[in-house]
Amino acid sequence: MNINLGAPYEAIIAKYIKKGYAGSKTEVLRQALRVYDDFEDVELKPRRMGKEERRLVAKAVEHEMKGIREGTEKGIPWEEVKKKYNL
């Protein structure tokens, strides 16, 4: 199979090969498909967050972690999160 993904996707593939996560383009794509298939198993639809969304999420997490460290916020046990969201 010969697929032209375009420069942005080729760059992503090259990045993962350079980091050593995969040895070839085919391996990167196989791993990506396995991950994508896993999302279906937990009924999540994957999407890529934009930079602003990532920044806001990171800021919110840091705010919550600061509260937990200072004792002004209470964390939620992982078991409770799994139960609440059927994970």
C-alpha atoms as a PDB file:
ATOM      1  CA  MET A   1       0.000   0.000   0.000  1.00  0.00           C
ATOM      2  CA  ASN A   2       1.371   3.403  -0.926  1.00  0.00           C
ATOM      3  CA  ILE A   3      -0.108   6.402   0.893  1.00  0.00           C
ATOM      4  CA  ASN A   4       0.801  10.067   0.586  1.00  0.00           C
ATOM      5  CA  LEU A   5       0.118  11.572   4.013  1.00  0.00           C
ATOM      6  CA  GLY A   6       1.590  14.983   3.386  1.00  0.00           C
ATOM      7  CA  ALA A   7       4.445  16.850   5.031  1.00  0.00           C
ATOM      8  CA  PRO A   8       2.865  17.478   8.470  1.00  0.00           C
ATOM      9  CA  TYR A   9       2.110  13.791   9.017  1.00  0.00           C
ATOM     10  CA  GLU A  10       5.428  12.678   7.579  1.00  0.00           C
ATOM     11  CA  ALA A  11       7.119  14.981  10.115  1.00  0.00           C
ATOM     12  CA  ILE A  12       5.155  13.415  12.972  1.00  0.00           C
ATOM     13  CA  ILE A  13       6.129   9.934  11.803  1.00  0.00           C
ATOM     14  CA  ALA A  14       9.777  10.965  11.465  1.00  0.00           C
ATOM     15  CA  LYS A  15       9.710  12.411  14.992  1.00  0.00           C
ATOM     16  CA  TYR A  16       8.578   9.100  16.496  1.00  0.00           C
ATOM     17  CA  ILE A  17      11.143   7.138  14.527  1.00  0.00           C
ATOM     18  CA  LYS A  18      13.890   9.572  15.632  1.00  0.00           C
ATOM     19  CA  LYS A  19      12.811   9.189  19.283  1.00  0.00           C
ATOM     20  CA  GLY A  20      13.111   5.426  18.893  1.00  0.00           C
ATOM     21  CA  TYR A  21       9.433   4.621  19.458  1.00  0.00           C
ATOM     22  CA  ALA A  22       9.319   2.789  16.139  1.00  0.00           C
ATOM     23  CA  GLY A  23      11.780   1.588  13.536  1.00  0.00           C
ATOM     24  CA  SER A  24       9.828   2.397  10.409  1.00  0.00           C
ATOM     25  CA  LYS A  25       6.908   4.387   9.033  1.00  0.00           C
ATOM     26  CA  THR A  26       4.844   1.213   8.877  1.00  0.00           C
ATOM     27  CA  GLU A  27       5.484   0.498  12.546  1.00  0.00           C
ATOM     28  CA  VAL A  28       4.452   4.040  13.540  1.00  0.00           C
ATOM     29  CA  LEU A  29       1.198   3.688  11.610  1.00  0.00           C
ATOM     30  CA  ARG A  30       0.477   0.255  13.097  1.00  0.00           C
ATOM     31  CA  GLN A  31       1.001   1.607  16.615  1.00  0.00           C
ATOM     32  CA  ALA A  32      -1.217   4.609  15.867  1.00  0.00           C
ATOM     33  CA  LEU A  33      -3.990   2.349  14.585  1.00  0.00           C
ATOM     34  CA  ARG A  34      -3.772   0.168  17.704  1.00  0.00           C
ATOM     35  CA  VAL A  35      -4.083   3.259  19.917  1.00  0.00           C
ATOM     36  CA  TYR A  36      -6.970   4.557  17.823  1.00  0.00           C
ATOM     37  CA  ASP A  37      -8.685   1.180  18.093  1.00  0.00           C
ATOM     38  CA  ASP A  38      -8.264   1.266  21.893  1.00  0.00           C
ATOM     39  CA  PHE A  39     -10.243   4.508  22.003  1.00  0.00           C
ATOM     40  CA  GLU A  40     -13.222   2.670  20.525  1.00  0.00           C
ATOM     41  CA  ASP A  41     -13.045   0.126  23.348  1.00  0.00           C
ATOM     42  CA  VAL A  42     -13.602   2.842  25.962  1.00  0.00           C
ATOM     43  CA  GLU A  43     -16.052   4.765  23.770  1.00  0.00           C
ATOM     44  CA  LEU A  44     -13.917   7.897  23.510  1.00  0.00           C
ATOM     45  CA  LYS A  45     -13.475   9.870  20.353  1.00  0.00           C
ATOM     46  CA  PRO A  46      -9.879  11.045  20.100  1.00  0.00           C
ATOM     47  CA  ARG A  47      -9.188  14.575  19.033  1.00  0.00           C
ATOM     48  CA  ARG A  48      -6.192  16.785  19.175  1.00  0.00           C
ATOM     49  CA  MET A  49      -6.276  19.671  21.631  1.00  0.00           C
ATOM     50  CA  GLY A  50      -5.109  23.028  20.404  1.00  0.00           C
ATOM     51  CA  LYS A  51      -2.259  24.890  22.070  1.00  0.00           C
ATOM     52  CA  GLU A  52      -4.643  27.192  23.940  1.00  0.00           C
ATOM     53  CA  GLU A  53      -6.644  24.231  25.281  1.00  0.00           C
ATOM     54  CA  ARG A  54      -3.449  22.509  26.446  1.00  0.00           C
ATOM     55  CA  ARG A  55      -2.288  25.711  28.127  1.00  0.00           C
ATOM     56  CA  LEU A  56      -5.601  26.111  29.943  1.00  0.00           C
ATOM     57  CA  VAL A  57      -5.668  22.465  31.043  1.00  0.00           C
ATOM     58  CA  ALA A  58      -2.096  22.716  32.325  1.00  0.00           C
ATOM     59  CA  LYS A  59      -2.963  25.912  34.203  1.00  0.00           C
ATOM     60  CA  ALA A  60      -6.047  24.292  35.775  1.00  0.00           C
ATOM     61  CA  VAL A  61      -4.078  21.191  36.794  1.00  0.00           C
ATOM     62  CA  GLU A  62      -1.341  23.332  38.346  1.00  0.00           C
ATOM     63  CA  HIS A  63      -3.970  25.327  40.250  1.00  0.00           C
ATOM     64  CA  GLU A  64      -5.558  22.141  41.610  1.00  0.00           C
ATOM     65  CA  MET A  65      -2.182  20.603  42.502  1.00  0.00           C
ATOM     66  CA  LYS A  66      -1.185  23.776  44.351  1.00  0.00           C
ATOM     67  CA  GLY A  67      -4.403  23.545  46.376  1.00  0.00           C
ATOM     68  CA  ILE A  68      -3.745  19.886  47.172  1.00  0.00           C
ATOM     69  CA  ARG A  69      -0.145  20.638  48.251  1.00  0.00           C
ATOM     70  CA  GLU A  70      -1.322  23.524  50.448  1.00  0.00           C
ATOM     71  CA  GLY A  71      -4.167  21.482  51.903  1.00  0.00           C
ATOM     72  CA  THR A  72      -6.914  23.779  50.614  1.00  0.00           C
ATOM     73  CA  GLU A  73      -8.139  21.243  48.034  1.00  0.00           C
ATOM     74  CA  LYS A  74      -8.902  17.557  48.417  1.00  0.00           C
ATOM     75  CA  GLY A  75      -7.824  15.093  45.761  1.00  0.00           C
ATOM     76  CA  ILE A  76     -10.128  12.387  44.414  1.00  0.00           C
ATOM     77  CA  PRO A  77      -8.923   8.774  44.752  1.00  0.00           C
ATOM     78  CA  TRP A  78      -8.311   7.040  41.422  1.00  0.00           C
ATOM     79  CA  GLU A  79     -10.692   4.214  42.364  1.00  0.00           C
ATOM     80  CA  GLU A  80     -13.488   6.757  42.806  1.00  0.00           C
ATOM     81  CA  VAL A  81     -12.766   8.309  39.400  1.00  0.00           C
ATOM     82  CA  LYS A  82     -12.783   4.864  37.736  1.00  0.00           C
ATOM     83  CA  LYS A  83     -16.090   3.992  39.368  1.00  0.00           C
ATOM     84  CA  LYS A  84     -17.711   7.331  38.500  1.00  0.00           C
ATOM     85  CA  TYR A  85     -16.702   7.106  34.820  1.00  0.00           C
ATOM     86  CA  ASN A  86     -16.973   3.307  34.438  1.00  0.00           C
ATOM     87  CA  LEU A  87     -13.286   2.924  33.603  1.00  0.00           C
END
